[in-house]
């Protein structure tokens, strides 16, 4: 396994920059090992989503990123994240586009060179799901 570490600067969008990094570094299969930083806002999909009903919320910060995990590839990323507000209250969910970084975010991805992750439509769930190749 190798690693890719990068920093996302203030004002940039968290998920979009992770996707760009996966494409830039041609990541076939990776795991989010660490995510540390802050956000102006957090856009998260709440639990219980179906393709027809997705409860996506945009929370106003500031927030500290307190945890994150997910699968990363040039074919798509699936990340879940928790953030805490100024009172220490934590919220979490499925990371969506539109989370603006403030002041920074540090990302570490472990890259597996012996497999590839693809996202393939699954009839049962209705979502594009992970397929290991």
C-alpha atoms as a PDB file:
ATOM      1  CA  UNK A   1       0.000   0.000   0.000  1.00  0.00           C
ATOM      2  CA  UNK A   2       1.153   3.520  -0.731  1.00  0.00           C
ATOM      3  CA  UNK A   3      -0.259   6.779   0.564  1.00  0.00           C
ATOM      4  CA  UNK A   4      -1.271  10.096  -0.906  1.00  0.00           C
ATOM      5  CA  UNK A   5      -1.437  13.086   1.425  1.00  0.00           C
ATOM      6  CA  UNK A   6      -2.745  16.482   0.390  1.00  0.00           C
ATOM      7  CA  UNK A   7      -4.145  19.682   1.822  1.00  0.00           C
ATOM      8  CA  UNK A   8      -7.327  21.439   0.783  1.00  0.00           C
ATOM      9  CA  UNK A   9      -7.120  25.205   1.090  1.00  0.00           C
ATOM     10  CA  UNK A  10      -9.601  27.711   2.542  1.00  0.00           C
ATOM     11  CA  UNK A  11     -12.660  28.222   0.368  1.00  0.00           C
ATOM     12  CA  UNK A  12     -12.191  25.043  -1.655  1.00  0.00           C
ATOM     13  CA  UNK A  13     -14.865  22.336  -1.681  1.00  0.00           C
ATOM     14  CA  UNK A  14     -14.069  19.195   0.310  1.00  0.00           C
ATOM     15  CA  UNK A  15     -15.615  16.333  -1.659  1.00  0.00           C
ATOM     16  CA  UNK A  16     -14.896  17.922  -5.010  1.00  0.00           C
ATOM     17  CA  UNK A  17     -11.183  18.227  -4.136  1.00  0.00           C
ATOM     18  CA  UNK A  18     -11.041  14.609  -2.929  1.00  0.00           C
ATOM     19  CA  UNK A  19     -12.559  13.515  -6.266  1.00  0.00           C
ATOM     20  CA  UNK A  20     -10.031  15.684  -8.170  1.00  0.00           C
ATOM     21  CA  UNK A  21      -7.159  14.123  -6.214  1.00  0.00           C
ATOM     22  CA  UNK A  22      -8.423  10.606  -6.971  1.00  0.00           C
ATOM     23  CA  UNK A  23      -8.463  11.450 -10.673  1.00  0.00           C
ATOM     24  CA  UNK A  24      -5.136  13.335 -10.635  1.00  0.00           C
ATOM     25  CA  UNK A  25      -3.343  10.470  -8.880  1.00  0.00           C
ATOM     26  CA  UNK A  26      -5.234   7.829 -10.884  1.00  0.00           C
ATOM     27  CA  UNK A  27      -6.365   6.031  -7.728  1.00  0.00           C
ATOM     28  CA  UNK A  28      -7.900   2.696  -8.682  1.00  0.00           C
ATOM     29  CA  UNK A  29      -8.739   1.741  -5.094  1.00  0.00           C
ATOM     30  CA  UNK A  30      -8.159   3.657  -1.886  1.00  0.00           C
ATOM     31  CA  UNK A  31      -9.354   4.145   1.663  1.00  0.00           C
ATOM     32  CA  UNK A  32      -9.672   7.428   3.501  1.00  0.00           C
ATOM     33  CA  UNK A  33      -7.203   6.993   6.374  1.00  0.00           C
ATOM     34  CA  UNK A  34      -7.385  10.465   7.895  1.00  0.00           C
ATOM     35  CA  UNK A  35      -9.314  13.683   7.444  1.00  0.00           C
ATOM     36  CA  UNK A  36      -8.599  16.625   9.738  1.00  0.00           C
ATOM     37  CA  UNK A  37      -9.694  20.232   9.381  1.00  0.00           C
ATOM     38  CA  UNK A  38     -12.585  22.620   9.433  1.00  0.00           C
ATOM     39  CA  UNK A  39     -15.629  23.568   7.382  1.00  0.00           C
ATOM     40  CA  UNK A  40     -17.777  26.668   6.891  1.00  0.00           C
ATOM     41  CA  UNK A  41     -20.740  24.383   6.215  1.00  0.00           C
ATOM     42  CA  UNK A  42     -21.470  20.666   6.046  1.00  0.00           C
ATOM     43  CA  UNK A  43     -23.665  19.161   3.340  1.00  0.00           C
ATOM     44  CA  UNK A  44     -24.676  15.674   4.424  1.00  0.00           C
ATOM     45  CA  UNK A  45     -27.202  13.080   3.333  1.00  0.00           C
ATOM     46  CA  UNK A  46     -29.023  11.661   6.314  1.00  0.00           C
ATOM     47  CA  UNK A  47     -29.570   7.971   7.061  1.00  0.00           C
ATOM     48  CA  UNK A  48     -32.389   6.043   5.400  1.00  0.00           C
ATOM     49  CA  UNK A  49     -31.907   7.366   1.875  1.00  0.00           C
ATOM     50  CA  UNK A  50     -33.433   5.732  -1.163  1.00  0.00           C
ATOM     51  CA  UNK A  51     -32.909   6.820  -4.765  1.00  0.00           C
ATOM     52  CA  UNK A  52     -36.346   8.493  -4.675  1.00  0.00           C
ATOM     53  CA  UNK A  53     -36.057  10.080  -1.226  1.00  0.00           C
ATOM     54  CA  UNK A  54     -32.795  11.608  -0.083  1.00  0.00           C
ATOM     55  CA  UNK A  55     -32.764  13.901   2.922  1.00  0.00           C
ATOM     56  CA  UNK A  56     -29.780  16.185   2.212  1.00  0.00           C
ATOM     57  CA  UNK A  57     -29.110  18.930   4.738  1.00  0.00           C
ATOM     58  CA  UNK A  58     -26.759  21.915   4.547  1.00  0.00           C
ATOM     59  CA  UNK A  59     -25.661  22.811   8.071  1.00  0.00           C
ATOM     60  CA  UNK A  60     -24.091  26.209   8.800  1.00  0.00           C
ATOM     61  CA  UNK A  61     -20.804  26.091  10.719  1.00  0.00           C
ATOM     62  CA  UNK A  62     -18.153  26.648  11.649  1.00  0.00           C
ATOM     63  CA  UNK A  63     -17.351  22.959  12.166  1.00  0.00           C
ATOM     64  CA  UNK A  64     -14.365  20.828  13.069  1.00  0.00           C
ATOM     65  CA  UNK A  65     -14.077  17.559  11.136  1.00  0.00           C
ATOM     66  CA  UNK A  66     -13.859  14.928  13.868  1.00  0.00           C
ATOM     67  CA  UNK A  67     -13.936  11.765  11.760  1.00  0.00           C
ATOM     68  CA  UNK A  68     -14.284  10.457   8.263  1.00  0.00           C
ATOM     69  CA  UNK A  69     -14.081   7.153   6.469  1.00  0.00           C
ATOM     70  CA  UNK A  70     -14.693   5.954   2.971  1.00  0.00           C
ATOM     71  CA  UNK A  71     -13.657   4.331  -0.260  1.00  0.00           C
ATOM     72  CA  UNK A  72     -11.870   6.460  -2.844  1.00  0.00           C
ATOM     73  CA  UNK A  73     -11.273   5.832  -6.540  1.00  0.00           C
ATOM     74  CA  UNK A  74     -11.110   7.682  -9.831  1.00  0.00           C
ATOM     75  CA  UNK A  75     -14.499   6.052 -10.543  1.00  0.00           C
ATOM     76  CA  UNK A  76     -16.156   7.643  -7.507  1.00  0.00           C
ATOM     77  CA  UNK A  77     -15.871   8.271  -3.800  1.00  0.00           C
ATOM     78  CA  UNK A  78     -18.118   7.162  -0.940  1.00  0.00           C
ATOM     79  CA  UNK A  79     -17.327   9.071   2.255  1.00  0.00           C
ATOM     80  CA  UNK A  80     -19.108   9.345   5.594  1.00  0.00           C
ATOM     81  CA  UNK A  81     -18.093  12.140   7.929  1.00  0.00           C
ATOM     82  CA  UNK A  82     -18.809  13.561  11.381  1.00  0.00           C
ATOM     83  CA  UNK A  83     -18.329  17.197  12.343  1.00  0.00           C
ATOM     84  CA  UNK A  84     -18.651  19.074  15.635  1.00  0.00           C
ATOM     85  CA  UNK A  85     -19.952  22.588  16.194  1.00  0.00           C
ATOM     86  CA  UNK A  86     -18.692  25.264  18.601  1.00  0.00           C
ATOM     87  CA  UNK A  87     -20.526  23.601  21.487  1.00  0.00           C
ATOM     88  CA  UNK A  88     -19.103  20.164  20.713  1.00  0.00           C
ATOM     89  CA  UNK A  89     -22.339  18.765  19.312  1.00  0.00           C
ATOM     90  CA  UNK A  90     -21.672  16.186  16.611  1.00  0.00           C
ATOM     91  CA  UNK A  91     -23.595  15.497  13.406  1.00  0.00           C
ATOM     92  CA  UNK A  92     -22.715  13.091  10.652  1.00  0.00           C
ATOM     93  CA  UNK A  93     -23.793  11.522   7.430  1.00  0.00           C
ATOM     94  CA  UNK A  94     -22.900  10.789   3.824  1.00  0.00           C
ATOM     95  CA  UNK A  95     -20.614  13.520   2.413  1.00  0.00           C
ATOM     96  CA  UNK A  96     -22.185  15.475  -0.438  1.00  0.00           C
ATOM     97  CA  UNK A  97     -20.871  18.229  -2.721  1.00  0.00           C
ATOM     98  CA  UNK A  98     -20.752  21.785  -1.433  1.00  0.00           C
ATOM     99  CA  UNK A  99     -18.836  21.606   1.884  1.00  0.00           C
ATOM    100  CA  UNK A 100     -16.589  24.678   1.946  1.00  0.00           C
ATOM    101  CA  UNK A 101     -13.266  24.205   3.758  1.00  0.00           C
ATOM    102  CA  UNK A 102     -12.275  26.747   6.416  1.00  0.00           C
ATOM    103  CA  UNK A 103      -9.464  27.105   7.405  1.00  0.00           C
ATOM    104  CA  UNK A 104      -7.924  23.896   5.985  1.00  0.00           C
ATOM    105  CA  UNK A 105      -8.395  20.155   5.518  1.00  0.00           C
ATOM    106  CA  UNK A 106      -5.651  17.537   5.551  1.00  0.00           C
ATOM    107  CA  UNK A 107      -6.407  14.294   3.748  1.00  0.00           C
ATOM    108  CA  UNK A 108      -4.517  10.977   3.820  1.00  0.00           C
ATOM    109  CA  UNK A 109      -5.571   8.214   1.422  1.00  0.00           C
ATOM    110  CA  UNK A 110      -4.136   4.698   1.479  1.00  0.00           C
ATOM    111  CA  UNK A 111      -3.895   3.333  -2.069  1.00  0.00           C
ATOM    112  CA  UNK A 112      -4.255  -0.385  -2.842  1.00  0.00           C
ATOM    113  CA  UNK A 113      -2.425  -1.269  -6.030  1.00  0.00           C
ATOM    114  CA  UNK A 114      -3.699  -4.842  -6.440  1.00  0.00           C
ATOM    115  CA  UNK A 115      -7.423  -4.029  -6.967  1.00  0.00           C
ATOM    116  CA  UNK A 116      -9.722  -1.450  -8.514  1.00  0.00           C
ATOM    117  CA  UNK A 117     -12.985  -0.034  -7.187  1.00  0.00           C
ATOM    118  CA  UNK A 118     -15.814   0.605  -9.610  1.00  0.00           C
ATOM    119  CA  UNK A 119     -19.297   1.999  -8.973  1.00  0.00           C
ATOM    120  CA  UNK A 120     -21.985  -0.090 -10.670  1.00  0.00           C
ATOM    121  CA  UNK A 121     -25.755   0.435 -10.529  1.00  0.00           C
ATOM    122  CA  UNK A 122     -27.327  -2.070  -8.143  1.00  0.00           C
ATOM    123  CA  UNK A 123     -30.932  -3.092  -8.923  1.00  0.00           C
ATOM    124  CA  UNK A 124     -31.659  -3.916  -5.278  1.00  0.00           C
ATOM    125  CA  UNK A 125     -30.559  -0.591  -3.729  1.00  0.00           C
ATOM    126  CA  UNK A 126     -31.040   1.674  -6.740  1.00  0.00           C
ATOM    127  CA  UNK A 127     -27.648   3.303  -6.112  1.00  0.00           C
ATOM    128  CA  UNK A 128     -24.251   2.889  -7.731  1.00  0.00           C
ATOM    129  CA  UNK A 129     -22.519   0.449  -5.381  1.00  0.00           C
ATOM    130  CA  UNK A 130     -18.949  -0.677  -4.854  1.00  0.00           C
ATOM    131  CA  UNK A 131     -17.632  -3.468  -7.050  1.00  0.00           C
ATOM    132  CA  UNK A 132     -14.108  -4.751  -6.444  1.00  0.00           C
ATOM    133  CA  UNK A 133     -12.187  -5.761  -9.557  1.00  0.00           C
END
